[in-house]
Amino acid sequence: MPVHVVVSRGADVSDLDHPLVRVVVHESRRFDPDRDVHPLRRPPRTRLPRSVLDHARSAVTEDEARAVVAAAVQQRLTTPARLRDEMSTRPRAKRSVLLREVLDDVEGGAQSLPELEWSRLLRRWGLPAPDRQVKVRRPDGTYYLDCFWERYGVAVEIDGIQHIDLVHREADDLRRLSLSTGGILVLPVSSYLVRHHGDMVARLVGQVLAGRGWVAA
């Protein structure tokens, strides 16, 4: 695995060559060691918000960039507020628009890459913004809904690959049955469908919401 090093633009990096380690150098016009380098960690390294955003901006794909930011927040390595503060120092840096959208989604409760993609699809299709990670209490327990439009009694659950196995599927079925007794329609959507047939899914969910009273603007 390569070691990534940030240096000021034009800095001499000849001493970074190492026979056992592949070093990848990133030159930056806005690199201030006093501000950007952690004062205590050794070996010296950039502070985590800067590291996360540098990684996201240098990612090969936009999906990878979004996943880096979501994972850092989900694992509580940093916060959206700290990442926004770091972004304010370079407001026009690469992928700034995309990263602001990701932070909006993460603050709203989206926790995984499929959930972030689902948020993007909702915006594209002009669907109302749902509440995220909503706690719903039923007589048999407490449930959390990924994506819930309480006004219309509709929820969308983004299911990862772990939901394919029998035990998870049966637990999901019981959960949805319990929620339906309270009038909540739970729509299960696999992460595969979000990635590969997202527009169709968003259109169908829009039709369900319209059938329950939502009127497009």
C-alpha atoms as a PDB file:
ATOM      1  CA  MET A   1       0.000   0.000   0.000  1.00  0.00           C
ATOM      2  CA  PRO A   2       1.475   3.379  -0.963  1.00  0.00           C
ATOM      3  CA  VAL A   3       2.139   6.192   1.483  1.00  0.00           C
ATOM      4  CA  HIS A   4       0.518   9.469   0.409  1.00  0.00           C
ATOM      5  CA  VAL A   5       2.400  12.658   1.261  1.00  0.00           C
ATOM      6  CA  VAL A   6       1.142  16.242   0.923  1.00  0.00           C
ATOM      7  CA  VAL A   7       3.705  18.975   0.251  1.00  0.00           C
ATOM      8  CA  SER A   8       3.602  22.624  -0.747  1.00  0.00           C
ATOM      9  CA  ARG A   9       3.659  23.275  -4.479  1.00  0.00           C
ATOM     10  CA  GLY A  10       7.244  23.202  -5.750  1.00  0.00           C
ATOM     11  CA  ALA A  11       8.755  21.626  -2.630  1.00  0.00           C
ATOM     12  CA  ASP A  12      11.866  19.460  -2.973  1.00  0.00           C
ATOM     13  CA  VAL A  13      10.715  15.817  -2.562  1.00  0.00           C
ATOM     14  CA  SER A  14      13.935  14.060  -3.541  1.00  0.00           C
ATOM     15  CA  ASP A  15      14.415  12.814   0.018  1.00  0.00           C
ATOM     16  CA  LEU A  16      11.064  10.973  -0.069  1.00  0.00           C
ATOM     17  CA  ASP A  17      12.368   8.150  -2.258  1.00  0.00           C
ATOM     18  CA  HIS A  18      12.466   4.848  -0.386  1.00  0.00           C
ATOM     19  CA  PRO A  19      13.439   1.409  -1.708  1.00  0.00           C
ATOM     20  CA  LEU A  20      10.778  -0.418   0.341  1.00  0.00           C
ATOM     21  CA  VAL A  21       7.836   1.988   0.217  1.00  0.00           C
ATOM     22  CA  ARG A  22       6.011   3.510  -2.728  1.00  0.00           C
ATOM     23  CA  VAL A  23       5.478   7.179  -1.932  1.00  0.00           C
ATOM     24  CA  VAL A  24       2.773   9.141  -3.759  1.00  0.00           C
ATOM     25  CA  VAL A  25       3.344  12.892  -3.555  1.00  0.00           C
ATOM     26  CA  HIS A  26       0.466  15.374  -3.745  1.00  0.00           C
ATOM     27  CA  GLU A  27       1.437  19.000  -4.290  1.00  0.00           C
ATOM     28  CA  SER A  28      -0.902  21.608  -2.839  1.00  0.00           C
ATOM     29  CA  ARG A  29      -1.091  25.367  -3.325  1.00  0.00           C
ATOM     30  CA  ARG A  30      -2.912  25.656   0.011  1.00  0.00           C
ATOM     31  CA  PHE A  31      -0.782  23.722   2.453  1.00  0.00           C
ATOM     32  CA  ASP A  32       0.076  25.380   5.750  1.00  0.00           C
ATOM     33  CA  PRO A  33       2.024  23.039   8.054  1.00  0.00           C
ATOM     34  CA  ASP A  34       1.098  25.111  11.113  1.00  0.00           C
ATOM     35  CA  ARG A  35      -2.604  24.715  10.398  1.00  0.00           C
ATOM     36  CA  ASP A  36      -2.857  21.461   8.459  1.00  0.00           C
ATOM     37  CA  VAL A  37      -0.424  19.177  10.309  1.00  0.00           C
ATOM     38  CA  HIS A  38      -1.551  17.476  13.509  1.00  0.00           C
ATOM     39  CA  PRO A  39       0.571  18.857  16.384  1.00  0.00           C
ATOM     40  CA  LEU A  40       0.908  15.581  18.289  1.00  0.00           C
ATOM     41  CA  ARG A  41       0.691  12.578  15.983  1.00  0.00           C
ATOM     42  CA  ARG A  42       3.891  10.900  14.809  1.00  0.00           C
ATOM     43  CA  PRO A  43       5.037  10.505  12.149  1.00  0.00           C
ATOM     44  CA  PRO A  44       3.715  13.948  11.127  1.00  0.00           C
ATOM     45  CA  ARG A  45       0.397  13.789   9.278  1.00  0.00           C
ATOM     46  CA  THR A  46      -2.365  16.101   8.185  1.00  0.00           C
ATOM     47  CA  ARG A  47      -5.341  16.583  10.460  1.00  0.00           C
ATOM     48  CA  LEU A  48      -8.146  14.139   9.796  1.00  0.00           C
ATOM     49  CA  PRO A  49     -10.667  16.481   8.098  1.00  0.00           C
ATOM     50  CA  ARG A  50      -8.006  17.542   5.607  1.00  0.00           C
ATOM     51  CA  SER A  51      -6.951  13.901   5.079  1.00  0.00           C
ATOM     52  CA  VAL A  52     -10.536  12.798   4.413  1.00  0.00           C
ATOM     53  CA  LEU A  53     -11.183  15.558   1.898  1.00  0.00           C
ATOM     54  CA  ASP A  54      -7.817  15.070   0.167  1.00  0.00           C
ATOM     55  CA  HIS A  55      -8.635  11.371  -0.203  1.00  0.00           C
ATOM     56  CA  ALA A  56     -12.109  12.136  -1.557  1.00  0.00           C
ATOM     57  CA  ARG A  57     -10.782  14.664  -4.058  1.00  0.00           C
ATOM     58  CA  SER A  58      -8.095  12.297  -5.338  1.00  0.00           C
ATOM     59  CA  ALA A  59     -10.424   9.276  -5.548  1.00  0.00           C
ATOM     60  CA  VAL A  60     -10.687   7.643  -8.965  1.00  0.00           C
ATOM     61  CA  THR A  61     -14.500   7.783  -9.075  1.00  0.00           C
ATOM     62  CA  GLU A  62     -17.221   9.943  -7.557  1.00  0.00           C
ATOM     63  CA  ASP A  63     -18.688   6.879  -5.846  1.00  0.00           C
ATOM     64  CA  GLU A  64     -15.369   6.289  -4.098  1.00  0.00           C
ATOM     65  CA  ALA A  65     -15.228   9.950  -3.059  1.00  0.00           C
ATOM     66  CA  ARG A  66     -18.719   9.786  -1.579  1.00  0.00           C
ATOM     67  CA  ALA A  67     -17.947   6.527   0.214  1.00  0.00           C
ATOM     68  CA  VAL A  68     -14.803   8.003   1.823  1.00  0.00           C
ATOM     69  CA  VAL A  69     -16.732  10.902   3.361  1.00  0.00           C
ATOM     70  CA  ALA A  70     -19.680   8.757   4.447  1.00  0.00           C
ATOM     71  CA  ALA A  71     -17.417   6.172   6.086  1.00  0.00           C
ATOM     72  CA  ALA A  72     -15.411   8.790   7.980  1.00  0.00           C
ATOM     73  CA  VAL A  73     -18.572  10.280   9.489  1.00  0.00           C
ATOM     74  CA  GLN A  74     -20.304   6.946  10.072  1.00  0.00           C
ATOM     75  CA  GLN A  75     -17.251   5.630  11.953  1.00  0.00           C
ATOM     76  CA  ARG A  76     -17.181   8.859  13.992  1.00  0.00           C
ATOM     77  CA  LEU A  77     -13.666   9.709  12.899  1.00  0.00           C
ATOM     78  CA  THR A  78     -14.818  13.251  12.193  1.00  0.00           C
ATOM     79  CA  THR A  79     -18.023  15.266  11.838  1.00  0.00           C
ATOM     80  CA  PRO A  80     -19.801  17.054   8.984  1.00  0.00           C
ATOM     81  CA  ALA A  81     -19.202  20.365  10.775  1.00  0.00           C
ATOM     82  CA  ARG A  82     -15.435  19.824  10.853  1.00  0.00           C
ATOM     83  CA  LEU A  83     -15.399  18.751   7.215  1.00  0.00           C
ATOM     84  CA  ARG A  84     -17.405  21.841   6.230  1.00  0.00           C
ATOM     85  CA  ASP A  85     -14.979  24.026   8.139  1.00  0.00           C
ATOM     86  CA  GLU A  86     -12.066  22.436   6.286  1.00  0.00           C
ATOM     87  CA  MET A  87     -13.857  22.849   2.944  1.00  0.00           C
ATOM     88  CA  SER A  88     -14.282  26.568   3.629  1.00  0.00           C
ATOM     89  CA  THR A  89     -10.513  27.000   3.281  1.00  0.00           C
ATOM     90  CA  ARG A  90     -10.680  25.743  -0.325  1.00  0.00           C
ATOM     91  CA  PRO A  91     -14.246  26.494  -1.492  1.00  0.00           C
ATOM     92  CA  ARG A  92     -13.499  25.898  -5.176  1.00  0.00           C
ATOM     93  CA  ALA A  93     -11.352  22.799  -4.847  1.00  0.00           C
ATOM     94  CA  LYS A  94     -12.058  19.682  -6.899  1.00  0.00           C
ATOM     95  CA  ARG A  95     -15.465  18.035  -6.253  1.00  0.00           C
ATOM     96  CA  SER A  96     -16.565  20.727  -3.806  1.00  0.00           C
ATOM     97  CA  VAL A  97     -20.164  20.669  -5.084  1.00  0.00           C
ATOM     98  CA  LEU A  98     -20.351  16.880  -4.849  1.00  0.00           C
ATOM     99  CA  LEU A  99     -18.814  16.824  -1.358  1.00  0.00           C
ATOM    100  CA  ARG A 100     -21.239  19.452  -0.071  1.00  0.00           C
ATOM    101  CA  GLU A 101     -24.120  17.296  -1.307  1.00  0.00           C
ATOM    102  CA  VAL A 102     -22.645  14.257   0.432  1.00  0.00           C
ATOM    103  CA  LEU A 103     -22.340  16.177   3.700  1.00  0.00           C
ATOM    104  CA  ASP A 104     -25.964  17.314   3.382  1.00  0.00           C
ATOM    105  CA  ASP A 105     -27.029  13.691   2.955  1.00  0.00           C
ATOM    106  CA  VAL A 106     -24.846  12.397   5.778  1.00  0.00           C
ATOM    107  CA  GLU A 107     -26.188  15.065   8.134  1.00  0.00           C
ATOM    108  CA  GLY A 108     -29.683  13.981   7.094  1.00  0.00           C
ATOM    109  CA  GLY A 109     -28.942  10.404   8.167  1.00  0.00           C
ATOM    110  CA  ALA A 110     -27.749   8.615   5.014  1.00  0.00           C
ATOM    111  CA  GLN A 111     -25.106   6.151   6.188  1.00  0.00           C
ATOM    112  CA  SER A 112     -24.055   4.034   3.226  1.00  0.00           C
ATOM    113  CA  LEU A 113     -23.145   4.503  -0.423  1.00  0.00           C
ATOM    114  CA  PRO A 114     -26.498   3.093  -1.680  1.00  0.00           C
ATOM    115  CA  GLU A 115     -28.322   5.481   0.653  1.00  0.00           C
ATOM    116  CA  LEU A 116     -26.288   8.389  -0.703  1.00  0.00           C
ATOM    117  CA  GLU A 117     -27.117   7.310  -4.245  1.00  0.00           C
ATOM    118  CA  TRP A 118     -30.777   7.072  -3.271  1.00  0.00           C
ATOM    119  CA  SER A 119     -30.667  10.665  -1.973  1.00  0.00           C
ATOM    120  CA  ARG A 120     -29.254  11.789  -5.305  1.00  0.00           C
ATOM    121  CA  LEU A 121     -32.069  10.011  -7.151  1.00  0.00           C
ATOM    122  CA  LEU A 122     -34.708  11.653  -4.954  1.00  0.00           C
ATOM    123  CA  ARG A 123     -33.341  15.068  -5.878  1.00  0.00           C
ATOM    124  CA  ARG A 124     -33.170  14.192  -9.567  1.00  0.00           C
ATOM    125  CA  TRP A 125     -36.820  13.098  -9.627  1.00  0.00           C
ATOM    126  CA  GLY A 126     -38.052  15.987  -7.499  1.00  0.00           C
ATOM    127  CA  LEU A 127     -39.396  13.726  -4.760  1.00  0.00           C
ATOM    128  CA  PRO A 128     -39.945  15.160  -1.272  1.00  0.00           C
ATOM    129  CA  ALA A 129     -37.095  14.818   1.195  1.00  0.00           C
ATOM    130  CA  PRO A 130     -37.759  12.012   3.689  1.00  0.00           C
ATOM    131  CA  ASP A 131     -36.759  11.783   7.320  1.00  0.00           C
ATOM    132  CA  ARG A 132     -33.800   9.464   7.934  1.00  0.00           C
ATOM    133  CA  GLN A 133     -33.168   6.739  10.489  1.00  0.00           C
ATOM    134  CA  VAL A 134     -36.570   7.315  12.070  1.00  0.00           C
ATOM    135  CA  LYS A 135     -37.369   5.445  15.273  1.00  0.00           C
ATOM    136  CA  VAL A 136     -40.804   3.815  15.242  1.00  0.00           C
ATOM    137  CA  ARG A 137     -42.160   2.037  18.307  1.00  0.00           C
ATOM    138  CA  ARG A 138     -44.539  -0.872  17.878  1.00  0.00           C
ATOM    139  CA  PRO A 139     -45.984  -3.226  20.546  1.00  0.00           C
ATOM    140  CA  ASP A 140     -43.394  -5.867  19.653  1.00  0.00           C
ATOM    141  CA  GLY A 141     -40.360  -3.588  19.593  1.00  0.00           C
ATOM    142  CA  THR A 142     -38.632  -0.518  18.209  1.00  0.00           C
ATOM    143  CA  TYR A 143     -37.715  -0.226  14.546  1.00  0.00           C
ATOM    144  CA  TYR A 144     -35.553   2.189  12.595  1.00  0.00           C
ATOM    145  CA  LEU A 145     -36.569   3.239   9.101  1.00  0.00           C
ATOM    146  CA  ASP A 146     -33.910   4.240   6.583  1.00  0.00           C
ATOM    147  CA  CYS A 147     -36.135   6.626   4.688  1.00  0.00           C
ATOM    148  CA  PHE A 148     -39.607   7.633   5.943  1.00  0.00           C
ATOM    149  CA  TRP A 149     -42.306   9.976   4.648  1.00  0.00           C
ATOM    150  CA  GLU A 150     -44.453  10.094   7.773  1.00  0.00           C
ATOM    151  CA  ARG A 151     -47.092  12.327   6.195  1.00  0.00           C
ATOM    152  CA  TYR A 152     -47.822   9.664   3.581  1.00  0.00           C
ATOM    153  CA  GLY A 153     -47.112   6.581   5.696  1.00  0.00           C
ATOM    154  CA  VAL A 154     -44.456   5.345   3.249  1.00  0.00           C
ATOM    155  CA  ALA A 155     -40.970   4.065   4.034  1.00  0.00           C
ATOM    156  CA  VAL A 156     -38.166   2.858   1.777  1.00  0.00           C
ATOM    157  CA  GLU A 157     -35.630   0.398   3.159  1.00  0.00           C
ATOM    158  CA  ILE A 158     -32.320   0.105   1.315  1.00  0.00           C
ATOM    159  CA  ASP A 159     -31.267  -3.533   1.751  1.00  0.00           C
ATOM    160  CA  GLY A 160     -27.641  -4.574   1.399  1.00  0.00           C
ATOM    161  CA  ILE A 161     -26.402  -8.028   0.434  1.00  0.00           C
ATOM    162  CA  GLN A 162     -26.723  -9.287   4.030  1.00  0.00           C
ATOM    163  CA  HIS A 163     -30.511  -9.218   3.635  1.00  0.00           C
ATOM    164  CA  ILE A 164     -30.380 -11.991   1.037  1.00  0.00           C
ATOM    165  CA  ASP A 165     -29.872 -14.811   3.532  1.00  0.00           C
ATOM    166  CA  LEU A 166     -32.926 -16.567   4.959  1.00  0.00           C
ATOM    167  CA  VAL A 167     -32.585 -15.422   8.574  1.00  0.00           C
ATOM    168  CA  HIS A 168     -32.299 -11.747   7.660  1.00  0.00           C
ATOM    169  CA  ARG A 169     -35.096 -12.006   5.105  1.00  0.00           C
ATOM    170  CA  GLU A 170     -37.509 -13.574   7.585  1.00  0.00           C
ATOM    171  CA  ALA A 171     -36.643 -10.951  10.202  1.00  0.00           C
ATOM    172  CA  ASP A 172     -37.284  -8.229   7.618  1.00  0.00           C
ATOM    173  CA  ASP A 173     -40.630  -9.796   6.703  1.00  0.00           C
ATOM    174  CA  LEU A 174     -41.766  -9.843  10.345  1.00  0.00           C
ATOM    175  CA  ARG A 175     -40.607  -6.261  10.782  1.00  0.00           C
ATOM    176  CA  ARG A 176     -42.564  -5.067   7.765  1.00  0.00           C
ATOM    177  CA  LEU A 177     -45.670  -6.945   8.867  1.00  0.00           C
ATOM    178  CA  SER A 178     -45.477  -5.291  12.276  1.00  0.00           C
ATOM    179  CA  LEU A 179     -45.065  -1.843  10.748  1.00  0.00           C
ATOM    180  CA  SER A 180     -47.951  -2.439   8.337  1.00  0.00           C
ATOM    181  CA  THR A 181     -50.334  -2.987  11.251  1.00  0.00           C
ATOM    182  CA  GLY A 182     -49.709   0.674  12.074  1.00  0.00           C
ATOM    183  CA  GLY A 183     -50.508   1.747   8.520  1.00  0.00           C
ATOM    184  CA  ILE A 184     -46.914   2.116   7.299  1.00  0.00           C
ATOM    185  CA  LEU A 185     -46.171   0.837   3.811  1.00  0.00           C
ATOM    186  CA  VAL A 186     -42.558  -0.382   3.753  1.00  0.00           C
ATOM    187  CA  LEU A 187     -40.983  -0.652   0.295  1.00  0.00           C
ATOM    188  CA  PRO A 188     -37.855  -2.850   0.280  1.00  0.00           C
ATOM    189  CA  VAL A 189     -35.276  -1.819  -2.320  1.00  0.00           C
ATOM    190  CA  SER A 190     -32.009  -3.674  -2.778  1.00  0.00           C
ATOM    191  CA  SER A 191     -28.750  -1.781  -3.117  1.00  0.00           C
ATOM    192  CA  TYR A 192     -28.384  -3.475  -6.524  1.00  0.00           C
ATOM    193  CA  LEU A 193     -31.628  -1.865  -7.745  1.00  0.00           C
ATOM    194  CA  VAL A 194     -30.504   1.525  -6.491  1.00  0.00           C
ATOM    195  CA  ARG A 195     -27.220   1.251  -8.384  1.00  0.00           C
ATOM    196  CA  HIS A 196     -28.483  -0.274 -11.623  1.00  0.00           C
ATOM    197  CA  HIS A 197     -32.194   0.622 -11.914  1.00  0.00           C
ATOM    198  CA  GLY A 198     -32.366   3.676  -9.678  1.00  0.00           C
ATOM    199  CA  ASP A 199     -34.408   5.868 -12.018  1.00  0.00           C
ATOM    200  CA  MET A 200     -37.094   3.207 -12.366  1.00  0.00           C
ATOM    201  CA  VAL A 201     -37.228   2.720  -8.596  1.00  0.00           C
ATOM    202  CA  ALA A 202     -37.497   6.476  -7.965  1.00  0.00           C
ATOM    203  CA  ARG A 203     -40.294   6.789 -10.515  1.00  0.00           C
ATOM    204  CA  LEU A 204     -42.242   3.928  -8.922  1.00  0.00           C
ATOM    205  CA  VAL A 205     -41.769   5.317  -5.416  1.00  0.00           C
ATOM    206  CA  GLY A 206     -43.045   8.663  -6.711  1.00  0.00           C
ATOM    207  CA  GLN A 207     -46.168   6.907  -7.955  1.00  0.00           C
ATOM    208  CA  VAL A 208     -46.676   5.296  -4.531  1.00  0.00           C
ATOM    209  CA  LEU A 209     -46.337   8.664  -2.803  1.00  0.00           C
ATOM    210  CA  ALA A 210     -48.733  10.255  -5.279  1.00  0.00           C
ATOM    211  CA  GLY A 211     -51.234   7.489  -4.534  1.00  0.00           C
ATOM    212  CA  ARG A 212     -51.048   8.498  -0.876  1.00  0.00           C
ATOM    213  CA  GLY A 213     -51.593  12.195  -1.398  1.00  0.00           C
ATOM    214  CA  TRP A 214     -48.288  13.700  -2.483  1.00  0.00           C
ATOM    215  CA  VAL A 215     -48.593  16.323  -5.221  1.00  0.00           C
ATOM    216  CA  ALA A 216     -45.519  17.137  -7.275  1.00  0.00           C
ATOM    217  CA  ALA A 217     -44.514  20.805  -7.269  1.00  0.00           C
END
